[in-house]
Amino acid sequence: ALDLLKALVAYGGREVSEQKLCDALWPGTEADDARVSLKITLHRLRGLIGHEAITLRESKLTLDPRICWVDTWGFERAVNRLTATANTLSANEIARLGERMLALYGGSFLGDDEQAFTLSARERLRGKWMHAIAALAGRFQHDGAHDQAIAWYERGIEVDPLAESFYRGLMRAYHTLHRPAEGLGVYQRCKKTLATELKVVPSPETETLAQALQSLGS
């Protein structure tokens, strides 16, 4: 029953076809047997969270939003709002939206689950979070709120230590603030991470920023 709930959320929670759920949860099982298993499991799940919480119409399952609150829904709504209205929101509204997304994301989707449908949803949500972080940090940097930009770039690096663009964002912010030592510290961190994890060197763009920071400090 818990796996069914996970799969429903992973597939978006709205109008998820029975066939899709059968393929995910009972792969290789005869179609009729898989449908019987789904029917039994759905009955058990409804017993746990309430019969009305999951609707079944035209062979599609939906978590009723009038009864169920799903953090991934809230997170994706916030990301979509940022994408659609970032240029029209005030700095305070952007900051509040960022903190809401941070609270909703909270870490990798179902981090202890390695089923295929979970992994796919995890990467999709992680990609949206990375895009949102880049947009937030870029907006703060554009507005001259460099300390807030720095905080968001650091959060981006926590999510993906190999995202070189976030290191460059930090380096630019420190260059603007005339804090070359901290900017060069970021460069060294980037260089070491890339060498250790990927056996590569920083890009020419990153090296140019490092040179600019060195010049600023000399």
N, C-alpha and C. Protein backbone atom coordinates (compact mmCIF):
# COMPACT_ATOMS: atom_id res chain seq x y z
N ALA A 1 0.83 -1.20 0.00
CA ALA A 1 0.00 0.00 0.00
C ALA A 1 0.86 1.26 0.00
N LEU A 2 1.94 1.24 0.77
CA LEU A 2 2.83 2.41 0.81
C LEU A 2 3.51 2.62 -0.54
N ASP A 3 3.89 1.54 -1.20
CA ASP A 3 4.49 1.66 -2.53
C ASP A 3 3.51 2.26 -3.53
N LEU A 4 2.24 1.92 -3.40
CA LEU A 4 1.23 2.50 -4.28
C LEU A 4 1.12 4.00 -4.05
N LEU A 5 1.14 4.40 -2.79
CA LEU A 5 1.09 5.84 -2.48
C LEU A 5 2.32 6.55 -3.03
N LYS A 6 3.48 5.95 -2.87
CA LYS A 6 4.72 6.54 -3.41
C LYS A 6 4.63 6.70 -4.92
N ALA A 7 4.15 5.66 -5.59
CA ALA A 7 4.05 5.71 -7.05
C ALA A 7 3.05 6.78 -7.49
N LEU A 8 1.93 6.88 -6.79
CA LEU A 8 0.94 7.90 -7.12
C LEU A 8 1.55 9.30 -7.04
N VAL A 9 2.26 9.57 -5.96
CA VAL A 9 2.88 10.88 -5.79
C VAL A 9 3.98 11.09 -6.83
N ALA A 10 4.78 10.06 -7.06
CA ALA A 10 5.88 10.17 -8.02
C ALA A 10 5.38 10.49 -9.42
N TYR A 11 4.22 9.96 -9.77
CA TYR A 11 3.65 10.19 -11.10
C TYR A 11 2.76 11.44 -11.15
N GLY A 12 2.81 12.23 -10.10
CA GLY A 12 2.10 13.50 -10.12
C GLY A 12 0.83 13.54 -9.30
N GLY A 13 0.30 12.38 -8.93
CA GLY A 13 -0.86 12.33 -8.05
C GLY A 13 -2.19 12.63 -8.68
N ARG A 14 -2.19 12.93 -9.98
CA ARG A 14 -3.44 13.30 -10.66
C ARG A 14 -3.62 12.46 -11.92
N GLU A 15 -4.76 11.79 -12.03
CA GLU A 15 -5.12 11.01 -13.20
C GLU A 15 -3.99 10.09 -13.66
N VAL A 16 -3.50 9.30 -12.72
CA VAL A 16 -2.45 8.32 -13.01
C VAL A 16 -3.14 7.03 -13.45
N SER A 17 -2.80 6.54 -14.62
CA SER A 17 -3.51 5.39 -15.17
C SER A 17 -3.20 4.12 -14.37
N GLU A 18 -4.22 3.27 -14.29
CA GLU A 18 -4.04 1.99 -13.62
C GLU A 18 -2.91 1.19 -14.29
N GLN A 19 -2.86 1.25 -15.62
CA GLN A 19 -1.84 0.49 -16.35
C GLN A 19 -0.44 0.94 -15.95
N LYS A 20 -0.26 2.24 -15.81
CA LYS A 20 1.05 2.77 -15.42
C LYS A 20 1.46 2.27 -14.04
N LEU A 21 0.51 2.25 -13.14
CA LEU A 21 0.79 1.78 -11.78
C LEU A 21 1.05 0.28 -11.76
N CYS A 22 0.29 -0.47 -12.54
CA CYS A 22 0.52 -1.91 -12.62
C CYS A 22 1.92 -2.21 -13.16
N ASP A 23 2.31 -1.50 -14.21
CA ASP A 23 3.63 -1.72 -14.80
C ASP A 23 4.75 -1.39 -13.81
N ALA A 24 4.52 -0.36 -12.99
CA ALA A 24 5.55 0.07 -12.04
C ALA A 24 5.66 -0.86 -10.85
N LEU A 25 4.52 -1.32 -10.35
CA LEU A 25 4.51 -2.08 -9.09
C LEU A 25 4.54 -3.59 -9.28
N TRP A 26 4.03 -4.06 -10.41
CA TRP A 26 4.01 -5.50 -10.67
C TRP A 26 4.55 -5.80 -12.08
N PRO A 27 5.78 -5.42 -12.34
CA PRO A 27 6.34 -5.63 -13.68
C PRO A 27 6.45 -7.13 -13.99
N GLY A 28 6.14 -7.47 -15.21
CA GLY A 28 6.25 -8.86 -15.62
C GLY A 28 5.08 -9.72 -15.22
N THR A 29 4.11 -9.15 -14.50
CA THR A 29 2.94 -9.92 -14.07
C THR A 29 1.87 -9.87 -15.16
N GLU A 30 1.12 -10.95 -15.28
CA GLU A 30 0.02 -10.97 -16.24
C GLU A 30 -0.93 -9.79 -15.96
N ALA A 31 -1.45 -9.21 -17.03
CA ALA A 31 -2.25 -7.98 -16.90
C ALA A 31 -3.42 -8.15 -15.93
N ASP A 32 -4.15 -9.27 -16.05
CA ASP A 32 -5.30 -9.48 -15.18
C ASP A 32 -4.87 -9.63 -13.72
N ASP A 33 -3.78 -10.34 -13.48
CA ASP A 33 -3.29 -10.52 -12.11
C ASP A 33 -2.83 -9.19 -11.53
N ALA A 34 -2.17 -8.37 -12.35
CA ALA A 34 -1.69 -7.07 -11.87
C ALA A 34 -2.86 -6.17 -11.50
N ARG A 35 -3.94 -6.21 -12.30
CA ARG A 35 -5.10 -5.38 -11.99
C ARG A 35 -5.78 -5.83 -10.70
N VAL A 36 -5.82 -7.15 -10.47
CA VAL A 36 -6.38 -7.65 -9.21
C VAL A 36 -5.52 -7.18 -8.04
N SER A 37 -4.20 -7.26 -8.19
CA SER A 37 -3.29 -6.80 -7.13
C SER A 37 -3.48 -5.31 -6.86
N LEU A 38 -3.65 -4.53 -7.93
CA LEU A 38 -3.87 -3.09 -7.76
C LEU A 38 -5.16 -2.83 -7.00
N LYS A 39 -6.21 -3.54 -7.37
CA LYS A 39 -7.51 -3.35 -6.71
C LYS A 39 -7.42 -3.65 -5.22
N ILE A 40 -6.73 -4.74 -4.87
CA ILE A 40 -6.58 -5.12 -3.46
C ILE A 40 -5.73 -4.09 -2.72
N THR A 41 -4.64 -3.68 -3.35
CA THR A 41 -3.73 -2.72 -2.71
C THR A 41 -4.38 -1.36 -2.55
N LEU A 42 -5.16 -0.94 -3.54
CA LEU A 42 -5.88 0.33 -3.44
C LEU A 42 -6.87 0.29 -2.28
N HIS A 43 -7.55 -0.83 -2.11
CA HIS A 43 -8.49 -0.98 -1.00
C HIS A 43 -7.75 -0.83 0.34
N ARG A 44 -6.58 -1.43 0.44
CA ARG A 44 -5.79 -1.33 1.68
C ARG A 44 -5.33 0.11 1.92
N LEU A 45 -4.88 0.76 0.84
CA LEU A 45 -4.40 2.13 0.99
C LEU A 45 -5.54 3.07 1.40
N ARG A 46 -6.71 2.88 0.79
CA ARG A 46 -7.85 3.70 1.19
C ARG A 46 -8.22 3.46 2.64
N GLY A 47 -8.03 2.24 3.11
CA GLY A 47 -8.29 1.96 4.51
C GLY A 47 -7.35 2.70 5.43
N LEU A 48 -6.15 2.98 4.94
CA LEU A 48 -5.16 3.68 5.76
C LEU A 48 -5.37 5.19 5.75
N ILE A 49 -5.68 5.77 4.59
CA ILE A 49 -5.72 7.23 4.50
C ILE A 49 -7.12 7.78 4.24
N GLY A 50 -8.12 6.90 4.13
CA GLY A 50 -9.49 7.35 3.90
C GLY A 50 -9.95 7.04 2.49
N HIS A 51 -11.13 6.49 2.38
CA HIS A 51 -11.64 6.06 1.09
C HIS A 51 -11.76 7.23 0.12
N GLU A 52 -12.18 8.40 0.62
CA GLU A 52 -12.41 9.54 -0.25
C GLU A 52 -11.11 10.20 -0.72
N ALA A 53 -10.00 9.84 -0.11
CA ALA A 53 -8.73 10.51 -0.44
C ALA A 53 -8.23 10.17 -1.84
N ILE A 54 -8.66 9.01 -2.36
CA ILE A 54 -8.21 8.60 -3.69
C ILE A 54 -9.43 8.31 -4.55
N THR A 55 -9.55 9.04 -5.65
CA THR A 55 -10.67 8.80 -6.56
C THR A 55 -10.20 7.93 -7.72
N LEU A 56 -11.14 7.16 -8.25
CA LEU A 56 -10.87 6.30 -9.40
C LEU A 56 -11.93 6.57 -10.45
N ARG A 57 -11.51 7.19 -11.54
CA ARG A 57 -12.42 7.50 -12.63
C ARG A 57 -11.77 7.15 -13.96
N GLU A 58 -12.50 6.42 -14.78
CA GLU A 58 -12.02 6.06 -16.11
C GLU A 58 -10.62 5.42 -16.05
N SER A 59 -10.46 4.51 -15.09
CA SER A 59 -9.21 3.75 -14.91
C SER A 59 -8.02 4.65 -14.56
N LYS A 60 -8.30 5.79 -13.91
CA LYS A 60 -7.24 6.70 -13.49
C LYS A 60 -7.41 7.07 -12.03
N LEU A 61 -6.30 7.06 -11.29
CA LEU A 61 -6.32 7.36 -9.86
C LEU A 61 -5.83 8.78 -9.61
N THR A 62 -6.51 9.45 -8.67
CA THR A 62 -6.14 10.81 -8.31
C THR A 62 -6.22 10.98 -6.80
N LEU A 63 -5.22 11.62 -6.23
CA LEU A 63 -5.27 12.03 -4.83
C LEU A 63 -6.13 13.30 -4.77
N ASP A 64 -7.21 13.25 -4.04
CA ASP A 64 -8.15 14.37 -4.00
C ASP A 64 -7.51 15.56 -3.28
N PRO A 65 -7.28 16.68 -3.98
CA PRO A 65 -6.62 17.83 -3.35
C PRO A 65 -7.45 18.49 -2.25
N ARG A 66 -8.75 18.18 -2.20
CA ARG A 66 -9.58 18.72 -1.12
C ARG A 66 -9.31 18.01 0.20
N ILE A 67 -8.70 16.83 0.10
CA ILE A 67 -8.44 16.02 1.30
C ILE A 67 -6.94 15.85 1.54
N CYS A 68 -6.19 15.71 0.45
CA CYS A 68 -4.75 15.43 0.55
C CYS A 68 -3.92 16.68 0.28
N TRP A 69 -2.91 16.90 1.08
CA TRP A 69 -1.90 17.93 0.82
C TRP A 69 -0.60 17.21 0.50
N VAL A 70 0.01 17.56 -0.63
CA VAL A 70 1.24 16.89 -1.07
C VAL A 70 2.33 17.94 -1.23
N ASP A 71 3.45 17.74 -0.57
CA ASP A 71 4.50 18.76 -0.62
C ASP A 71 5.05 18.98 -2.02
N THR A 72 5.09 17.92 -2.83
CA THR A 72 5.61 18.10 -4.19
C THR A 72 4.70 19.03 -5.00
N TRP A 73 3.39 18.97 -4.75
CA TRP A 73 2.47 19.89 -5.44
C TRP A 73 2.79 21.34 -5.05
N GLY A 74 2.94 21.57 -3.76
CA GLY A 74 3.24 22.91 -3.29
C GLY A 74 4.57 23.41 -3.83
N PHE A 75 5.56 22.53 -3.86
CA PHE A 75 6.87 22.91 -4.37
C PHE A 75 6.80 23.29 -5.84
N GLU A 76 6.13 22.46 -6.63
CA GLU A 76 6.06 22.73 -8.06
C GLU A 76 5.24 23.98 -8.37
N ARG A 77 4.22 24.24 -7.57
CA ARG A 77 3.46 25.49 -7.74
C ARG A 77 4.36 26.69 -7.49
N ALA A 78 5.19 26.61 -6.45
CA ALA A 78 6.10 27.71 -6.13
C ALA A 78 7.13 27.91 -7.23
N VAL A 79 7.66 26.82 -7.76
CA VAL A 79 8.63 26.92 -8.86
C VAL A 79 7.97 27.54 -10.09
N ASN A 80 6.76 27.12 -10.39
CA ASN A 80 6.06 27.67 -11.55
C ASN A 80 5.78 29.16 -11.37
N ARG A 81 5.45 29.55 -10.15
CA ARG A 81 5.21 30.98 -9.89
C ARG A 81 6.50 31.78 -10.08
N LEU A 82 7.60 31.24 -9.59
CA LEU A 82 8.88 31.92 -9.76
C LEU A 82 9.21 32.07 -11.24
N THR A 83 9.02 31.01 -11.99
CA THR A 83 9.33 31.04 -13.42
C THR A 83 8.47 32.04 -14.17
N ALA A 84 7.20 32.10 -13.80
CA ALA A 84 6.25 32.94 -14.54
C ALA A 84 6.30 34.41 -14.14
N THR A 85 6.65 34.69 -12.88
CA THR A 85 6.49 36.07 -12.39
C THR A 85 7.74 36.65 -11.73
N ALA A 86 8.89 36.01 -11.89
CA ALA A 86 10.10 36.46 -11.19
C ALA A 86 10.41 37.93 -11.44
N ASN A 87 10.18 38.40 -12.66
CA ASN A 87 10.54 39.77 -13.00
C ASN A 87 9.56 40.80 -12.45
N THR A 88 8.40 40.35 -11.99
CA THR A 88 7.40 41.29 -11.48
C THR A 88 7.28 41.27 -9.96
N LEU A 89 7.89 40.29 -9.32
CA LEU A 89 7.82 40.19 -7.86
C LEU A 89 8.83 41.11 -7.21
N SER A 90 8.48 41.63 -6.05
CA SER A 90 9.41 42.46 -5.29
C SER A 90 10.49 41.59 -4.66
N ALA A 91 11.53 42.24 -4.17
CA ALA A 91 12.63 41.51 -3.53
C ALA A 91 12.13 40.72 -2.32
N ASN A 92 11.23 41.32 -1.55
CA ASN A 92 10.70 40.62 -0.38
C ASN A 92 9.86 39.42 -0.78
N GLU A 93 9.07 39.58 -1.85
CA GLU A 93 8.25 38.46 -2.33
C GLU A 93 9.13 37.33 -2.85
N ILE A 94 10.20 37.69 -3.56
CA ILE A 94 11.14 36.68 -4.04
C ILE A 94 11.77 35.94 -2.87
N ALA A 95 12.16 36.68 -1.85
CA ALA A 95 12.79 36.06 -0.67
C ALA A 95 11.83 35.09 0.01
N ARG A 96 10.57 35.51 0.17
CA ARG A 96 9.57 34.63 0.82
C ARG A 96 9.31 33.39 -0.02
N LEU A 97 9.24 33.57 -1.33
CA LEU A 97 9.01 32.43 -2.22
C LEU A 97 10.18 31.45 -2.15
N GLY A 98 11.39 31.99 -2.10
CA GLY A 98 12.57 31.14 -1.98
C GLY A 98 12.57 30.33 -0.69
N GLU A 99 12.22 30.97 0.42
CA GLU A 99 12.19 30.26 1.69
C GLU A 99 11.09 29.20 1.69
N ARG A 100 9.98 29.49 1.02
CA ARG A 100 8.91 28.49 0.94
C ARG A 100 9.38 27.27 0.15
N MET A 101 10.04 27.50 -0.97
CA MET A 101 10.54 26.38 -1.76
C MET A 101 11.57 25.58 -0.98
N LEU A 102 12.41 26.28 -0.24
CA LEU A 102 13.43 25.60 0.57
C LEU A 102 12.78 24.69 1.60
N ALA A 103 11.72 25.20 2.25
CA ALA A 103 11.02 24.40 3.27
C ALA A 103 10.30 23.21 2.64
N LEU A 104 9.74 23.41 1.45
CA LEU A 104 8.98 22.33 0.81
C LEU A 104 9.89 21.26 0.22
N TYR A 105 11.03 21.67 -0.33
CA TYR A 105 11.90 20.69 -0.97
C TYR A 105 12.51 19.76 0.07
N GLY A 106 13.22 20.31 1.00
CA GLY A 106 13.66 19.54 2.16
C GLY A 106 14.68 18.44 1.93
N GLY A 107 15.00 18.12 0.69
CA GLY A 107 15.94 17.06 0.39
C GLY A 107 15.46 16.20 -0.76
N SER A 108 16.22 15.18 -1.08
CA SER A 108 15.88 14.29 -2.20
C SER A 108 14.53 13.63 -1.99
N PHE A 109 13.73 13.57 -3.04
CA PHE A 109 12.41 12.97 -2.99
C PHE A 109 12.51 11.50 -2.58
N LEU A 110 11.85 11.15 -1.48
CA LEU A 110 11.86 9.77 -0.97
C LEU A 110 13.28 9.19 -1.01
N GLY A 111 14.19 9.89 -0.33
CA GLY A 111 15.62 9.61 -0.44
C GLY A 111 16.06 8.19 -0.13
N ASP A 112 15.26 7.44 0.63
CA ASP A 112 15.66 6.07 0.98
C ASP A 112 15.02 5.04 0.07
N ASP A 113 14.34 5.49 -0.99
CA ASP A 113 13.65 4.58 -1.90
C ASP A 113 14.36 4.57 -3.25
N GLU A 114 14.65 3.39 -3.78
CA GLU A 114 15.41 3.29 -5.03
C GLU A 114 14.61 2.67 -6.16
N GLN A 115 13.30 2.67 -6.09
CA GLN A 115 12.49 2.15 -7.18
C GLN A 115 12.57 3.08 -8.38
N ALA A 116 12.39 2.53 -9.56
CA ALA A 116 12.59 3.30 -10.79
C ALA A 116 11.71 4.53 -10.85
N PHE A 117 10.44 4.40 -10.46
CA PHE A 117 9.54 5.55 -10.55
C PHE A 117 9.94 6.64 -9.55
N THR A 118 10.51 6.22 -8.42
CA THR A 118 10.99 7.19 -7.43
C THR A 118 12.21 7.94 -7.96
N LEU A 119 13.14 7.21 -8.56
CA LEU A 119 14.36 7.84 -9.07
C LEU A 119 14.04 8.86 -10.15
N SER A 120 13.10 8.54 -11.01
CA SER A 120 12.72 9.46 -12.08
C SER A 120 12.14 10.75 -11.51
N ALA A 121 11.22 10.61 -10.56
CA ALA A 121 10.63 11.80 -9.94
C ALA A 121 11.67 12.59 -9.17
N ARG A 122 12.59 11.88 -8.52
CA ARG A 122 13.64 12.56 -7.74
C ARG A 122 14.49 13.46 -8.64
N GLU A 123 14.89 12.95 -9.79
CA GLU A 123 15.71 13.74 -10.70
C GLU A 123 14.93 14.91 -11.29
N ARG A 124 13.65 14.69 -11.58
CA ARG A 124 12.83 15.77 -12.13
C ARG A 124 12.69 16.91 -11.12
N LEU A 125 12.40 16.57 -9.87
CA LEU A 125 12.23 17.59 -8.84
C LEU A 125 13.56 18.27 -8.51
N ARG A 126 14.62 17.49 -8.50
CA ARG A 126 15.94 18.06 -8.25
C ARG A 126 16.31 19.06 -9.34
N GLY A 127 16.00 18.71 -10.60
CA GLY A 127 16.27 19.62 -11.70
C GLY A 127 15.51 20.93 -11.56
N LYS A 128 14.25 20.84 -11.13
CA LYS A 128 13.46 22.05 -10.92
C LYS A 128 14.04 22.90 -9.78
N TRP A 129 14.52 22.22 -8.74
CA TRP A 129 15.10 22.93 -7.60
C TRP A 129 16.39 23.64 -8.01
N MET A 130 17.21 22.98 -8.79
CA MET A 130 18.45 23.60 -9.27
C MET A 130 18.13 24.82 -10.13
N HIS A 131 17.15 24.70 -11.01
CA HIS A 131 16.75 25.82 -11.85
C HIS A 131 16.24 26.98 -11.00
N ALA A 132 15.45 26.65 -9.97
CA ALA A 132 14.90 27.69 -9.10
C ALA A 132 16.01 28.39 -8.32
N ILE A 133 16.97 27.62 -7.82
CA ILE A 133 18.08 28.22 -7.08
C ILE A 133 18.86 29.18 -7.96
N ALA A 134 19.14 28.76 -9.20
CA ALA A 134 19.86 29.63 -10.13
C ALA A 134 19.08 30.92 -10.38
N ALA A 135 17.75 30.81 -10.54
CA ALA A 135 16.93 31.99 -10.79
C ALA A 135 16.91 32.91 -9.58
N LEU A 136 16.79 32.34 -8.38
CA LEU A 136 16.77 33.14 -7.17
C LEU A 136 18.10 33.86 -6.95
N ALA A 137 19.19 33.11 -7.05
CA ALA A 137 20.51 33.71 -6.84
C ALA A 137 20.79 34.79 -7.88
N GLY A 138 20.42 34.51 -9.13
CA GLY A 138 20.64 35.49 -10.18
C GLY A 138 19.84 36.76 -9.95
N ARG A 139 18.59 36.61 -9.50
CA ARG A 139 17.77 37.79 -9.23
C ARG A 139 18.37 38.62 -8.10
N PHE A 140 18.79 37.97 -7.01
CA PHE A 140 19.39 38.71 -5.90
C PHE A 140 20.68 39.41 -6.34
N GLN A 141 21.46 38.73 -7.14
CA GLN A 141 22.70 39.33 -7.61
C GLN A 141 22.40 40.54 -8.51
N HIS A 142 21.41 40.41 -9.36
CA HIS A 142 21.02 41.51 -10.24
C HIS A 142 20.54 42.71 -9.44
N ASP A 143 19.85 42.44 -8.32
CA ASP A 143 19.32 43.52 -7.49
C ASP A 143 20.36 44.10 -6.54
N GLY A 144 21.57 43.54 -6.53
CA GLY A 144 22.61 44.03 -5.63
C GLY A 144 22.53 43.46 -4.23
N ALA A 145 21.68 42.46 -4.03
CA ALA A 145 21.58 41.80 -2.72
C ALA A 145 22.57 40.64 -2.69
N HIS A 146 23.84 40.97 -2.65
CA HIS A 146 24.89 39.97 -2.87
C HIS A 146 24.98 38.93 -1.74
N ASP A 147 24.71 39.36 -0.51
CA ASP A 147 24.76 38.39 0.58
C ASP A 147 23.69 37.31 0.42
N GLN A 148 22.50 37.72 -0.04
CA GLN A 148 21.44 36.74 -0.29
C GLN A 148 21.79 35.86 -1.49
N ALA A 149 22.40 36.46 -2.50
CA ALA A 149 22.84 35.66 -3.65
C ALA A 149 23.86 34.62 -3.23
N ILE A 150 24.79 35.02 -2.38
CA ILE A 150 25.82 34.10 -1.89
C ILE A 150 25.17 32.93 -1.15
N ALA A 151 24.19 33.23 -0.30
CA ALA A 151 23.52 32.17 0.46
C ALA A 151 22.84 31.17 -0.47
N TRP A 152 22.22 31.66 -1.54
CA TRP A 152 21.53 30.76 -2.46
C TRP A 152 22.51 29.97 -3.33
N TYR A 153 23.60 30.60 -3.75
CA TYR A 153 24.61 29.84 -4.50
C TYR A 153 25.18 28.71 -3.63
N GLU A 154 25.39 28.99 -2.36
CA GLU A 154 25.90 27.94 -1.46
C GLU A 154 24.89 26.80 -1.32
N ARG A 155 23.61 27.15 -1.28
CA ARG A 155 22.59 26.10 -1.22
C ARG A 155 22.62 25.26 -2.49
N GLY A 156 22.85 25.92 -3.62
CA GLY A 156 22.95 25.18 -4.87
C GLY A 156 24.10 24.20 -4.87
N ILE A 157 25.23 24.61 -4.32
CA ILE A 157 26.39 23.74 -4.24
C ILE A 157 26.13 22.56 -3.30
N GLU A 158 25.35 22.80 -2.24
CA GLU A 158 24.99 21.71 -1.34
C GLU A 158 24.19 20.64 -2.09
N VAL A 159 23.30 21.09 -2.99
CA VAL A 159 22.49 20.15 -3.76
C VAL A 159 23.33 19.44 -4.81
N ASP A 160 24.20 20.21 -5.50
CA ASP A 160 25.04 19.63 -6.55
C ASP A 160 26.44 20.23 -6.46
N PRO A 161 27.35 19.55 -5.75
CA PRO A 161 28.71 20.07 -5.60
C PRO A 161 29.48 20.19 -6.91
N LEU A 162 28.95 19.64 -8.00
CA LEU A 162 29.65 19.69 -9.29
C LEU A 162 29.10 20.79 -10.21
N ALA A 163 28.16 21.60 -9.71
CA ALA A 163 27.56 22.66 -10.52
C ALA A 163 28.51 23.85 -10.58
N GLU A 164 29.37 23.88 -11.59
CA GLU A 164 30.40 24.91 -11.67
C GLU A 164 29.81 26.31 -11.79
N SER A 165 28.63 26.42 -12.38
CA SER A 165 28.02 27.75 -12.53
C SER A 165 27.74 28.39 -11.18
N PHE A 166 27.43 27.60 -10.16
CA PHE A 166 27.19 28.15 -8.83
C PHE A 166 28.48 28.67 -8.21
N TYR A 167 29.57 27.97 -8.42
CA TYR A 167 30.86 28.48 -7.94
C TYR A 167 31.19 29.81 -8.61
N ARG A 168 30.93 29.90 -9.91
CA ARG A 168 31.20 31.16 -10.62
C ARG A 168 30.31 32.29 -10.09
N GLY A 169 29.05 31.97 -9.78
CA GLY A 169 28.18 32.98 -9.20
C GLY A 169 28.73 33.51 -7.89
N LEU A 170 29.23 32.60 -7.05
CA LEU A 170 29.85 33.02 -5.79
C LEU A 170 31.08 33.89 -6.04
N MET A 171 31.90 33.48 -6.98
CA MET A 171 33.11 34.23 -7.28
C MET A 171 32.78 35.64 -7.78
N ARG A 172 31.76 35.76 -8.62
CA ARG A 172 31.35 37.08 -9.10
C ARG A 172 30.85 37.95 -7.96
N ALA A 173 30.05 37.34 -7.06
CA ALA A 173 29.53 38.10 -5.93
C ALA A 173 30.67 38.61 -5.05
N TYR A 174 31.65 37.76 -4.77
CA TYR A 174 32.78 38.19 -3.93
C TYR A 174 33.64 39.23 -4.65
N HIS A 175 33.72 39.12 -5.96
CA HIS A 175 34.47 40.13 -6.72
C HIS A 175 33.77 41.48 -6.62
N THR A 176 32.46 41.49 -6.75
CA THR A 176 31.70 42.73 -6.65
C THR A 176 31.82 43.34 -5.26
N LEU A 177 31.88 42.49 -4.25
CA LEU A 177 31.99 42.97 -2.86
C LEU A 177 33.42 43.29 -2.45
N HIS A 178 34.36 43.12 -3.40
CA HIS A 178 35.79 43.37 -3.13
C HIS A 178 36.28 42.50 -1.98
N ARG A 179 35.95 41.21 -2.07
CA ARG A 179 36.41 40.23 -1.09
C ARG A 179 37.12 39.10 -1.84
N PRO A 180 38.31 39.44 -2.40
CA PRO A 180 38.99 38.48 -3.28
C PRO A 180 39.42 37.19 -2.59
N ALA A 181 39.81 37.28 -1.32
CA ALA A 181 40.28 36.07 -0.63
C ALA A 181 39.17 35.02 -0.56
N GLU A 182 37.95 35.50 -0.27
CA GLU A 182 36.84 34.55 -0.19
C GLU A 182 36.49 34.00 -1.58
N GLY A 183 36.57 34.87 -2.57
CA GLY A 183 36.31 34.42 -3.93
C GLY A 183 37.31 33.39 -4.40
N LEU A 184 38.58 33.59 -4.07
CA LEU A 184 39.61 32.62 -4.45
C LEU A 184 39.47 31.32 -3.65
N GLY A 185 38.95 31.43 -2.43
CA GLY A 185 38.67 30.23 -1.65
C GLY A 185 37.60 29.37 -2.33
N VAL A 186 36.60 30.04 -2.89
CA VAL A 186 35.56 29.34 -3.65
C VAL A 186 36.17 28.66 -4.87
N TYR A 187 37.07 29.37 -5.55
CA TYR A 187 37.73 28.82 -6.73
C TYR A 187 38.51 27.55 -6.37
N GLN A 188 39.24 27.59 -5.28
CA GLN A 188 40.02 26.43 -4.87
C GLN A 188 39.11 25.26 -4.52
N ARG A 189 37.99 25.57 -3.88
CA ARG A 189 37.02 24.52 -3.56
C ARG A 189 36.47 23.89 -4.83
N CYS A 190 36.14 24.74 -5.80
CA CYS A 190 35.64 24.25 -7.09
C CYS A 190 36.68 23.38 -7.78
N LYS A 191 37.91 23.86 -7.83
CA LYS A 191 38.99 23.15 -8.51
C LYS A 191 39.23 21.77 -7.89
N LYS A 192 39.24 21.73 -6.56
CA LYS A 192 39.47 20.47 -5.87
C LYS A 192 38.32 19.50 -6.10
N THR A 193 37.08 19.98 -6.04
CA THR A 193 35.92 19.12 -6.23
C THR A 193 35.89 18.52 -7.63
N LEU A 194 36.13 19.35 -8.63
CA LEU A 194 36.11 18.87 -10.01
C LEU A 194 37.22 17.85 -10.26
N ALA A 195 38.39 18.12 -9.67
CA ALA A 195 39.52 17.21 -9.86
C ALA A 195 39.25 15.86 -9.18
N THR A 196 38.68 15.92 -7.99
CA THR A 196 38.43 14.70 -7.22
C THR A 196 37.31 13.86 -7.82
N GLU A 197 36.21 14.52 -8.19
CA GLU A 197 35.02 13.80 -8.62
C GLU A 197 35.00 13.49 -10.11
N LEU A 198 35.52 14.40 -10.93
CA LEU A 198 35.40 14.24 -12.39
C LEU A 198 36.73 14.14 -13.11
N LYS A 199 37.83 14.40 -12.40
CA LYS A 199 39.16 14.39 -13.01
C LYS A 199 39.27 15.42 -14.14
N VAL A 200 38.65 16.59 -13.92
CA VAL A 200 38.72 17.67 -14.90
C VAL A 200 39.15 18.95 -14.19
N VAL A 201 39.49 19.96 -14.99
CA VAL A 201 39.88 21.27 -14.45
C VAL A 201 38.74 22.25 -14.67
N PRO A 202 38.73 23.36 -13.94
CA PRO A 202 37.68 24.37 -14.15
C PRO A 202 37.68 24.90 -15.58
N SER A 203 36.54 25.40 -16.01
CA SER A 203 36.39 25.92 -17.36
C SER A 203 37.19 27.22 -17.52
N PRO A 204 37.46 27.63 -18.77
CA PRO A 204 38.15 28.90 -19.01
C PRO A 204 37.43 30.09 -18.37
N GLU A 205 36.10 30.06 -18.36
CA GLU A 205 35.34 31.15 -17.75
C GLU A 205 35.63 31.25 -16.25
N THR A 206 35.71 30.10 -15.60
CA THR A 206 36.02 30.08 -14.16
C THR A 206 37.45 30.55 -13.92
N GLU A 207 38.37 30.13 -14.77
CA GLU A 207 39.77 30.56 -14.63
C GLU A 207 39.90 32.07 -14.82
N THR A 208 39.15 32.63 -15.74
CA THR A 208 39.19 34.09 -15.96
C THR A 208 38.72 34.82 -14.72
N LEU A 209 37.65 34.31 -14.09
CA LEU A 209 37.17 34.93 -12.87
C LEU A 209 38.21 34.84 -11.75
N ALA A 210 38.90 33.71 -11.68
CA ALA A 210 39.95 33.55 -10.67
C ALA A 210 41.06 34.55 -10.88
N GLN A 211 41.44 34.77 -12.13
CA GLN A 211 42.48 35.76 -12.44
C GLN A 211 42.03 37.16 -12.05
N ALA A 212 40.76 37.47 -12.29
CA ALA A 212 40.24 38.79 -11.92
C ALA A 212 40.27 38.97 -10.40
N LEU A 213 39.97 37.92 -9.66
CA LEU A 213 40.04 38.00 -8.21
C LEU A 213 41.47 38.16 -7.71
N GLN A 214 42.41 37.47 -8.37
CA GLN A 214 43.82 37.62 -8.01
C GLN A 214 44.29 39.05 -8.25
N SER A 215 43.87 39.61 -9.36
CA SER A 215 44.25 41.00 -9.67
C SER A 215 43.67 41.97 -8.66
N LEU A 216 42.44 41.68 -8.23
CA LEU A 216 41.78 42.54 -7.26
C LEU A 216 42.49 42.53 -5.92
N GLY A 217 43.08 41.39 -5.60
CA GLY A 217 43.74 41.27 -4.29
C GLY A 217 45.19 41.69 -4.28
N SER A 218 45.75 41.93 -5.46
CA SER A 218 47.18 42.28 -5.51
C SER A 218 47.40 43.78 -5.47
